N, C-alpha and C. Protein backbone atom coordinates (compact mmCIF):
# COMPACT_ATOMS: atom_id res chain seq x y z
N ALA A 1 12.09 -24.83 -25.29
CA ALA A 1 13.42 -25.34 -26.28
C ALA A 1 14.51 -24.95 -25.68
N LEU A 2 14.53 -23.41 -24.97
CA LEU A 2 15.80 -23.20 -24.66
C LEU A 2 16.37 -24.03 -23.66
N LEU A 3 15.43 -24.50 -22.59
CA LEU A 3 16.00 -25.52 -21.40
C LEU A 3 16.66 -26.62 -21.92
N ASN A 4 15.92 -27.58 -23.06
CA ASN A 4 16.44 -28.52 -23.51
C ASN A 4 17.79 -28.27 -24.17
N GLY A 5 17.89 -26.90 -24.98
CA GLY A 5 19.12 -26.69 -25.71
C GLY A 5 20.28 -26.52 -24.58
N LEU A 6 20.15 -25.81 -23.46
CA LEU A 6 21.28 -26.05 -22.46
C LEU A 6 21.27 -27.36 -21.65
N LEU A 7 20.24 -28.15 -21.51
CA LEU A 7 20.67 -29.30 -21.17
C LEU A 7 21.28 -30.18 -22.19
N ARG A 8 21.08 -30.14 -23.41
CA ARG A 8 22.08 -30.56 -24.45
C ARG A 8 23.48 -30.09 -24.57
N ALA A 9 23.70 -29.29 -24.09
CA ALA A 9 25.13 -28.29 -23.95
C ALA A 9 25.90 -28.93 -22.60
N LYS A 10 25.11 -29.01 -21.66
CA LYS A 10 25.53 -29.52 -20.43
C LYS A 10 25.93 -30.81 -20.43
N GLY A 11 25.33 -31.76 -21.41
CA GLY A 11 25.57 -33.25 -21.41
C GLY A 11 24.71 -34.08 -20.51
N ARG A 12 23.31 -33.60 -20.32
CA ARG A 12 22.50 -33.79 -19.69
C ARG A 12 21.37 -34.41 -20.04
N PRO A 13 20.56 -35.46 -20.10
CA PRO A 13 19.31 -35.93 -20.68
C PRO A 13 18.38 -34.94 -21.03
N VAL A 14 17.85 -34.81 -22.25
CA VAL A 14 16.93 -33.79 -22.56
C VAL A 14 15.55 -34.37 -22.44
N GLY A 15 14.77 -33.74 -21.44
CA GLY A 15 13.16 -34.07 -21.18
C GLY A 15 13.19 -34.75 -19.88
N ALA A 16 14.53 -35.15 -19.32
CA ALA A 16 14.39 -35.69 -18.00
C ALA A 16 14.00 -34.94 -17.08
N THR A 17 14.04 -33.71 -17.06
CA THR A 17 13.53 -32.81 -15.75
C THR A 17 12.11 -32.08 -16.44
N GLU A 18 11.32 -31.70 -15.56
CA GLU A 18 10.22 -31.07 -16.03
C GLU A 18 10.74 -29.55 -16.06
N GLY A 19 9.97 -28.62 -16.75
CA GLY A 19 10.52 -27.33 -16.91
C GLY A 19 10.27 -26.77 -15.58
N PRO A 20 11.13 -25.52 -15.17
CA PRO A 20 10.78 -24.49 -13.69
C PRO A 20 9.29 -24.13 -14.04
N GLN A 21 8.91 -23.94 -12.80
CA GLN A 21 7.79 -23.58 -12.72
C GLN A 21 7.73 -21.90 -12.35
N VAL A 22 7.58 -20.97 -13.35
CA VAL A 22 7.94 -19.69 -13.05
C VAL A 22 6.62 -19.08 -13.34
N ARG A 23 6.37 -18.12 -12.48
CA ARG A 23 5.21 -17.28 -12.94
C ARG A 23 5.62 -15.79 -13.37
N PHE A 24 5.40 -15.11 -14.17
CA PHE A 24 6.04 -13.71 -14.55
C PHE A 24 4.86 -12.62 -14.18
N GLU A 25 5.35 -11.81 -13.47
CA GLU A 25 3.97 -10.31 -13.15
C GLU A 25 4.64 -9.32 -14.21
N SER A 26 3.56 -8.80 -14.95
CA SER A 26 3.96 -7.77 -15.78
C SER A 26 4.25 -6.40 -15.03
N ALA A 27 5.38 -5.88 -15.88
CA ALA A 27 6.05 -4.88 -15.51
C ALA A 27 5.04 -3.47 -15.22
N LEU A 28 4.16 -3.58 -16.13
CA LEU A 28 3.39 -2.33 -15.85
C LEU A 28 2.57 -2.55 -14.68
N SER A 29 2.41 -3.54 -14.19
CA SER A 29 1.44 -3.61 -12.76
C SER A 29 2.45 -3.40 -11.62
N LEU A 30 3.61 -3.23 -11.57
CA LEU A 30 4.41 -2.88 -10.35
C LEU A 30 5.15 -1.57 -10.85
N GLY A 31 5.39 -1.14 -11.96
CA GLY A 31 5.96 0.08 -12.51
C GLY A 31 5.32 1.29 -11.57
N ASP A 32 4.19 1.66 -11.63
CA ASP A 32 3.56 2.80 -10.99
C ASP A 32 4.09 2.89 -9.35
N VAL A 33 4.10 1.72 -8.86
CA VAL A 33 4.25 1.66 -7.21
C VAL A 33 5.97 1.82 -7.14
N TRP A 34 6.58 1.36 -8.20
CA TRP A 34 8.07 1.39 -8.14
C TRP A 34 8.49 2.85 -8.01
N ALA A 35 7.85 3.42 -8.95
CA ALA A 35 8.19 5.02 -9.24
C ALA A 35 7.82 5.70 -8.24
N LEU A 36 6.55 5.58 -7.48
CA LEU A 36 5.96 6.16 -6.51
C LEU A 36 6.76 6.19 -5.23
N ASP A 37 7.37 4.69 -5.10
CA ASP A 37 8.33 4.51 -3.93
C ASP A 37 9.77 5.26 -4.10
N ALA A 38 10.04 5.73 -5.20
CA ALA A 38 11.48 6.28 -5.59
C ALA A 38 10.99 7.76 -5.29
N LEU A 39 10.02 8.36 -5.46
CA LEU A 39 9.51 9.62 -5.46
C LEU A 39 9.24 9.79 -3.89
N TRP A 40 8.87 8.91 -3.14
CA TRP A 40 8.54 9.09 -1.70
C TRP A 40 9.77 9.23 -0.68
N HIS A 41 10.93 8.40 -1.25
CA HIS A 41 12.06 8.45 -0.75
C HIS A 41 12.87 9.84 -1.16
N GLU A 42 12.64 10.19 -2.16
CA GLU A 42 13.40 11.18 -2.88
C GLU A 42 12.97 12.43 -2.40
N LEU A 43 11.58 12.46 -2.05
CA LEU A 43 10.82 13.83 -1.20
C LEU A 43 11.28 13.77 0.14
N GLY A 44 11.59 12.73 0.76
CA GLY A 44 12.03 12.92 2.26
C GLY A 44 10.62 12.07 3.07
N PHE A 45 9.90 11.67 2.26
CA PHE A 45 8.74 11.35 3.23
C PHE A 45 8.88 9.98 4.09
N ASP A 46 9.84 9.39 3.59
CA ASP A 46 10.26 7.96 4.64
C ASP A 46 11.05 8.35 5.64
N GLY A 47 11.17 9.81 6.00
CA GLY A 47 11.52 10.58 7.23
C GLY A 47 10.68 10.44 8.49
N LEU A 48 9.28 10.48 7.72
CA LEU A 48 7.98 10.34 8.85
C LEU A 48 8.17 9.02 9.88
N ALA A 49 8.79 8.17 9.67
CA ALA A 49 8.94 6.92 10.31
C ALA A 49 9.48 7.35 11.64
N ALA A 50 10.64 8.36 11.50
CA ALA A 50 11.21 8.37 12.73
C ALA A 50 10.49 9.62 13.39
N VAL A 51 9.74 10.41 12.91
CA VAL A 51 8.85 11.11 13.41
C VAL A 51 7.95 10.29 14.64
N PHE A 52 7.12 9.46 13.83
CA PHE A 52 6.00 8.86 14.27
C PHE A 52 6.93 7.69 15.62
N ARG A 53 8.03 7.41 15.19
CA ARG A 53 8.68 6.77 16.33
C ARG A 53 8.75 7.44 17.82
N ARG A 54 9.54 8.81 17.66
CA ARG A 54 9.62 9.62 18.45
C ARG A 54 8.32 10.19 19.18
N ALA A 55 7.05 10.03 18.68
CA ALA A 55 5.89 10.20 19.24
C ALA A 55 5.50 9.07 19.96
N ARG A 56 6.44 8.08 19.70
CA ARG A 56 6.20 6.69 20.48
C ARG A 56 4.79 5.66 20.05
N PHE A 57 4.34 5.99 18.64
CA PHE A 57 3.53 5.13 18.09
C PHE A 57 4.10 3.59 17.79
N THR A 58 3.29 2.62 18.07
CA THR A 58 3.88 1.27 18.04
C THR A 58 3.67 0.70 16.89
N THR A 59 2.66 1.57 16.05
CA THR A 59 2.39 0.63 14.58
C THR A 59 3.19 1.88 13.70
N ALA A 60 3.35 0.89 12.41
CA ALA A 60 3.97 1.65 11.33
C ALA A 60 3.11 2.64 10.59
N VAL A 61 3.22 3.83 11.39
CA VAL A 61 1.89 4.99 10.92
C VAL A 61 2.62 5.43 9.10
N GLU A 62 3.86 5.21 9.15
CA GLU A 62 4.60 6.03 7.82
C GLU A 62 4.21 4.69 6.73
N ALA A 63 4.01 3.62 7.01
CA ALA A 63 3.54 2.72 6.04
C ALA A 63 2.47 2.49 5.66
N ALA A 64 1.60 2.61 6.81
CA ALA A 64 0.03 3.15 6.39
C ALA A 64 -0.27 4.04 5.61
N ILE A 65 0.37 5.33 5.76
CA ILE A 65 0.03 6.88 4.96
C ILE A 65 0.13 6.49 3.69
N ARG A 66 1.75 5.71 3.42
CA ARG A 66 2.26 5.35 2.23
C ARG A 66 1.35 4.35 1.36
N VAL A 67 0.79 3.43 2.14
CA VAL A 67 -0.26 2.62 1.06
C VAL A 67 -1.23 3.16 0.71
N MET A 68 -2.04 4.09 1.64
CA MET A 68 -3.22 5.04 1.49
C MET A 68 -2.67 6.12 0.17
N VAL A 69 -1.63 6.48 0.51
CA VAL A 69 -1.38 7.46 -1.10
C VAL A 69 -1.25 7.03 -1.87
N PHE A 70 -0.34 5.60 -2.18
CA PHE A 70 -0.23 5.00 -3.57
C PHE A 70 -1.46 4.50 -3.80
N ASN A 71 -2.23 4.02 -3.06
CA ASN A 71 -3.44 3.31 -3.56
C ASN A 71 -4.49 4.68 -4.42
N ARG A 72 -4.46 5.75 -3.59
CA ARG A 72 -5.11 6.91 -4.51
C ARG A 72 -4.56 7.15 -5.52
N LEU A 73 -3.17 7.33 -5.69
CA LEU A 73 -2.63 7.75 -7.17
C LEU A 73 -2.67 6.35 -7.97
N CYS A 74 -2.43 5.32 -7.87
CA CYS A 74 -2.42 4.15 -8.33
C CYS A 74 -3.46 3.87 -9.02
N ASP A 75 -4.50 3.56 -8.16
CA ASP A 75 -6.01 3.06 -8.56
C ASP A 75 -6.95 3.59 -7.22
N PRO A 76 -7.67 4.91 -7.82
CA PRO A 76 -8.40 5.66 -6.62
C PRO A 76 -9.27 4.62 -6.48
N GLU A 77 -9.62 4.35 -4.97
CA GLU A 77 -10.94 3.94 -4.56
C GLU A 77 -11.17 4.28 -3.08
N SER A 78 -12.22 3.75 -2.39
CA SER A 78 -12.59 4.01 -1.27
C SER A 78 -11.50 3.83 -0.19
N LYS A 79 -11.38 4.07 0.79
CA LYS A 79 -10.59 3.68 1.77
C LYS A 79 -10.77 2.12 2.02
N LEU A 80 -11.69 1.59 2.07
CA LEU A 80 -12.02 0.12 2.26
C LEU A 80 -11.47 -0.51 1.15
N GLY A 81 -11.07 0.02 -0.11
CA GLY A 81 -10.38 -0.58 -1.44
C GLY A 81 -9.00 -0.78 -0.98
N VAL A 82 -8.26 -0.02 0.04
CA VAL A 82 -7.03 -0.10 0.25
C VAL A 82 -6.91 -1.60 1.18
N LEU A 83 -7.65 -2.05 2.05
CA LEU A 83 -7.55 -3.37 2.65
C LEU A 83 -7.61 -4.59 1.50
N ARG A 84 -8.27 -4.50 0.25
CA ARG A 84 -8.24 -5.49 -0.87
C ARG A 84 -6.75 -5.48 -0.97
């Protein structure tokens, strides 16, 4: 209804176009990760990336640690659950 009203206001034919294909994510499913990411940066843990680069690690060790920590805090599972 909103889209048809906007089309009418713009002088375009109503119903001539399909509605946009939009998929909404629940805010609750991303809120905990967003909060933990902000806390991660505030506590300075993002500085671990530089430490691992100086140690000549070629993989993103800090990112892997962050994923494992967030997994344990958001949805405690086994280490194999992190891969899912």
